Amino acid sequence: MLNPELVWMTPVTVRMKDGAPQVFASVNDALDFLEGDWAYRGRKYNRAAQTCRRALNRMTPVAIAREAFIDACRDAGMSTDGDGPLGTKTGAGGQHSLA
């Protein structure tokens, strides 16, 4: 793989404004959504987009980009299961790729 996806240990499910759930499994998925279908722009959106770009450039841990994405979703009024099943949280283990 030339550009491996930076996959999160625990995918993030976001409940869209229309109620439909959408699963984001990687930094790539999140950034595509932020740059394409995102409606609400604010401070947390800017932080999430910047952090995802930095993660893709190996300048920020993947887990930090995941948390920034979750914060932006919640700021925009979308609910997430960002803490994963049964309240588990990602840690350093979320910082890998499937290269």
C-alpha atoms as a PDB file:
ATOM      1  CA  MET A   1       0.000   0.000   0.000  1.00  0.00           C
ATOM      2  CA  LEU A   2       1.348   3.371  -0.937  1.00  0.00           C
ATOM      3  CA  ASN A   3      -0.943   5.383   1.358  1.00  0.00           C
ATOM      4  CA  PRO A   4      -2.079   3.079   4.135  1.00  0.00           C
ATOM      5  CA  GLU A   5      -5.165   4.102   6.046  1.00  0.00           C
ATOM      6  CA  LEU A   6      -4.557   5.087   9.631  1.00  0.00           C
ATOM      7  CA  VAL A   7      -7.109   2.829  11.282  1.00  0.00           C
ATOM      8  CA  TRP A   8      -8.488   3.425  14.766  1.00  0.00           C
ATOM      9  CA  MET A   9      -8.538   0.554  17.267  1.00  0.00           C
ATOM     10  CA  THR A  10     -12.222   1.322  17.911  1.00  0.00           C
ATOM     11  CA  PRO A  11     -14.298   2.763  15.060  1.00  0.00           C
ATOM     12  CA  VAL A  12     -16.445   5.809  15.825  1.00  0.00           C
ATOM     13  CA  THR A  13     -20.165   5.593  15.049  1.00  0.00           C
ATOM     14  CA  VAL A  14     -21.736   8.998  14.488  1.00  0.00           C
ATOM     15  CA  ARG A  15     -25.481   9.508  14.419  1.00  0.00           C
ATOM     16  CA  MET A  16     -26.092  11.916  11.556  1.00  0.00           C
ATOM     17  CA  LYS A  17     -28.628  14.751  11.775  1.00  0.00           C
ATOM     18  CA  ASP A  18     -31.172  12.551   9.931  1.00  0.00           C
ATOM     19  CA  GLY A  19     -30.706   9.832  12.571  1.00  0.00           C
ATOM     20  CA  ALA A  20     -28.744   7.458  10.367  1.00  0.00           C
ATOM     21  CA  PRO A  21     -25.594   5.982  11.904  1.00  0.00           C
ATOM     22  CA  GLN A  22     -22.310   6.286  10.005  1.00  0.00           C
ATOM     23  CA  VAL A  23     -19.154   4.419  11.006  1.00  0.00           C
ATOM     24  CA  PHE A  24     -15.722   6.021  10.722  1.00  0.00           C
ATOM     25  CA  ALA A  25     -12.893   3.500  10.988  1.00  0.00           C
ATOM     26  CA  SER A  26      -9.907   5.668  10.147  1.00  0.00           C
ATOM     27  CA  VAL A  27      -8.358   9.115  10.054  1.00  0.00           C
ATOM     28  CA  ASN A  28      -8.883   9.032   6.284  1.00  0.00           C
ATOM     29  CA  ASP A  29     -12.644   8.433   6.700  1.00  0.00           C
ATOM     30  CA  ALA A  30     -12.949  11.256   9.223  1.00  0.00           C
ATOM     31  CA  LEU A  31     -11.010  13.774   7.128  1.00  0.00           C
ATOM     32  CA  ASP A  32     -13.022  12.912   4.001  1.00  0.00           C
ATOM     33  CA  PHE A  33     -16.207  13.608   5.963  1.00  0.00           C
ATOM     34  CA  LEU A  34     -14.853  16.812   7.507  1.00  0.00           C
ATOM     35  CA  GLU A  35     -13.707  18.174   4.148  1.00  0.00           C
ATOM     36  CA  GLY A  36     -16.714  17.022   2.143  1.00  0.00           C
ATOM     37  CA  ASP A  37     -20.020  16.643   3.952  1.00  0.00           C
ATOM     38  CA  TRP A  38     -19.455  18.763   7.048  1.00  0.00           C
ATOM     39  CA  ALA A  39     -21.938  21.617   7.513  1.00  0.00           C
ATOM     40  CA  TYR A  40     -21.030  23.254  10.844  1.00  0.00           C
ATOM     41  CA  ARG A  41     -17.661  25.021  10.896  1.00  0.00           C
ATOM     42  CA  GLY A  42     -16.255  26.141  14.207  1.00  0.00           C
ATOM     43  CA  ARG A  43     -13.215  25.960  16.447  1.00  0.00           C
ATOM     44  CA  LYS A  44     -13.585  22.212  17.110  1.00  0.00           C
ATOM     45  CA  TYR A  45     -14.106  21.521  13.403  1.00  0.00           C
ATOM     46  CA  ASN A  46     -10.899  23.417  12.602  1.00  0.00           C
ATOM     47  CA  ARG A  47      -8.989  21.520  15.286  1.00  0.00           C
ATOM     48  CA  ALA A  48     -10.304  18.157  14.038  1.00  0.00           C
ATOM     49  CA  ALA A  49      -9.429  18.852  10.397  1.00  0.00           C
ATOM     50  CA  GLN A  50      -5.958  20.101  11.317  1.00  0.00           C
ATOM     51  CA  THR A  51      -5.306  17.200  13.691  1.00  0.00           C
ATOM     52  CA  CYS A  52      -6.413  14.622  11.104  1.00  0.00           C
ATOM     53  CA  ARG A  53      -4.109  16.181   8.502  1.00  0.00           C
ATOM     54  CA  ARG A  54      -1.244  16.135  11.011  1.00  0.00           C
ATOM     55  CA  ALA A  55      -1.943  12.474  11.811  1.00  0.00           C
ATOM     56  CA  LEU A  56      -1.815  11.587   8.110  1.00  0.00           C
ATOM     57  CA  ASN A  57       1.576  13.304   7.967  1.00  0.00           C
ATOM     58  CA  ARG A  58       2.724  11.305  11.021  1.00  0.00           C
ATOM     59  CA  MET A  59       2.994  14.488  13.120  1.00  0.00           C
ATOM     60  CA  THR A  60       0.172  13.713  15.581  1.00  0.00           C
ATOM     61  CA  PRO A  61      -0.890  10.404  17.143  1.00  0.00           C
ATOM     62  CA  VAL A  62      -3.899   8.740  15.523  1.00  0.00           C
ATOM     63  CA  ALA A  63      -5.696   8.577  18.894  1.00  0.00           C
ATOM     64  CA  ILE A  64      -5.485  12.379  19.219  1.00  0.00           C
ATOM     65  CA  ALA A  65      -7.064  12.803  15.774  1.00  0.00           C
ATOM     66  CA  ARG A  66      -9.846  10.399  16.799  1.00  0.00           C
ATOM     67  CA  GLU A  67     -10.631  12.384  19.941  1.00  0.00           C
ATOM     68  CA  ALA A  68     -10.614  15.687  18.007  1.00  0.00           C
ATOM     69  CA  PHE A  69     -13.037  14.191  15.470  1.00  0.00           C
ATOM     70  CA  ILE A  70     -15.374  13.032  18.258  1.00  0.00           C
ATOM     71  CA  ASP A  71     -15.254  16.496  19.865  1.00  0.00           C
ATOM     72  CA  ALA A  72     -16.120  18.159  16.542  1.00  0.00           C
ATOM     73  CA  CYS A  73     -19.045  15.794  15.951  1.00  0.00           C
ATOM     74  CA  ARG A  74     -20.457  16.468  19.390  1.00  0.00           C
ATOM     75  CA  ASP A  75     -19.919  20.222  18.942  1.00  0.00           C
ATOM     76  CA  ALA A  76     -21.956  20.023  15.725  1.00  0.00           C
ATOM     77  CA  GLY A  77     -24.822  18.310  17.554  1.00  0.00           C
ATOM     78  CA  MET A  78     -24.171  14.749  16.401  1.00  0.00           C
ATOM     79  CA  SER A  79     -24.037  11.975  18.976  1.00  0.00           C
ATOM     80  CA  THR A  80     -21.209   9.466  18.918  1.00  0.00           C
ATOM     81  CA  ASP A  81     -20.268   6.229  20.573  1.00  0.00           C
ATOM     82  CA  GLY A  82     -16.743   7.637  20.742  1.00  0.00           C
ATOM     83  CA  ASP A  83     -15.881   5.860  23.963  1.00  0.00           C
ATOM     84  CA  GLY A  84     -16.474   2.527  22.273  1.00  0.00           C
ATOM     85  CA  PRO A  85     -18.483  -0.417  23.513  1.00  0.00           C
ATOM     86  CA  LEU A  86     -18.975  -0.614  27.263  1.00  0.00           C
ATOM     87  CA  GLY A  87     -17.204   2.685  27.806  1.00  0.00           C
ATOM     88  CA  THR A  88     -13.768   1.462  26.705  1.00  0.00           C
ATOM     89  CA  LYS A  89     -11.411   4.247  25.718  1.00  0.00           C
ATOM     90  CA  THR A  90      -8.631   4.214  23.204  1.00  0.00           C
ATOM     91  CA  GLY A  91      -5.120   4.804  24.365  1.00  0.00           C
ATOM     92  CA  ALA A  92      -1.711   4.399  22.823  1.00  0.00           C
ATOM     93  CA  GLY A  93      -2.948   1.192  21.195  1.00  0.00           C
ATOM     94  CA  GLY A  94      -5.058   3.268  18.804  1.00  0.00           C
ATOM     95  CA  GLN A  95      -1.922   4.661  17.204  1.00  0.00           C
ATOM     96  CA  HIS A  96      -1.185   2.159  14.441  1.00  0.00           C
ATOM     97  CA  SER A  97      -1.772   1.584  10.786  1.00  0.00           C
ATOM     98  CA  LEU A  98      -2.321  -1.533   8.736  1.00  0.00           C
ATOM     99  CA  ALA A  99       0.718  -0.870   6.552  1.00  0.00           C
END
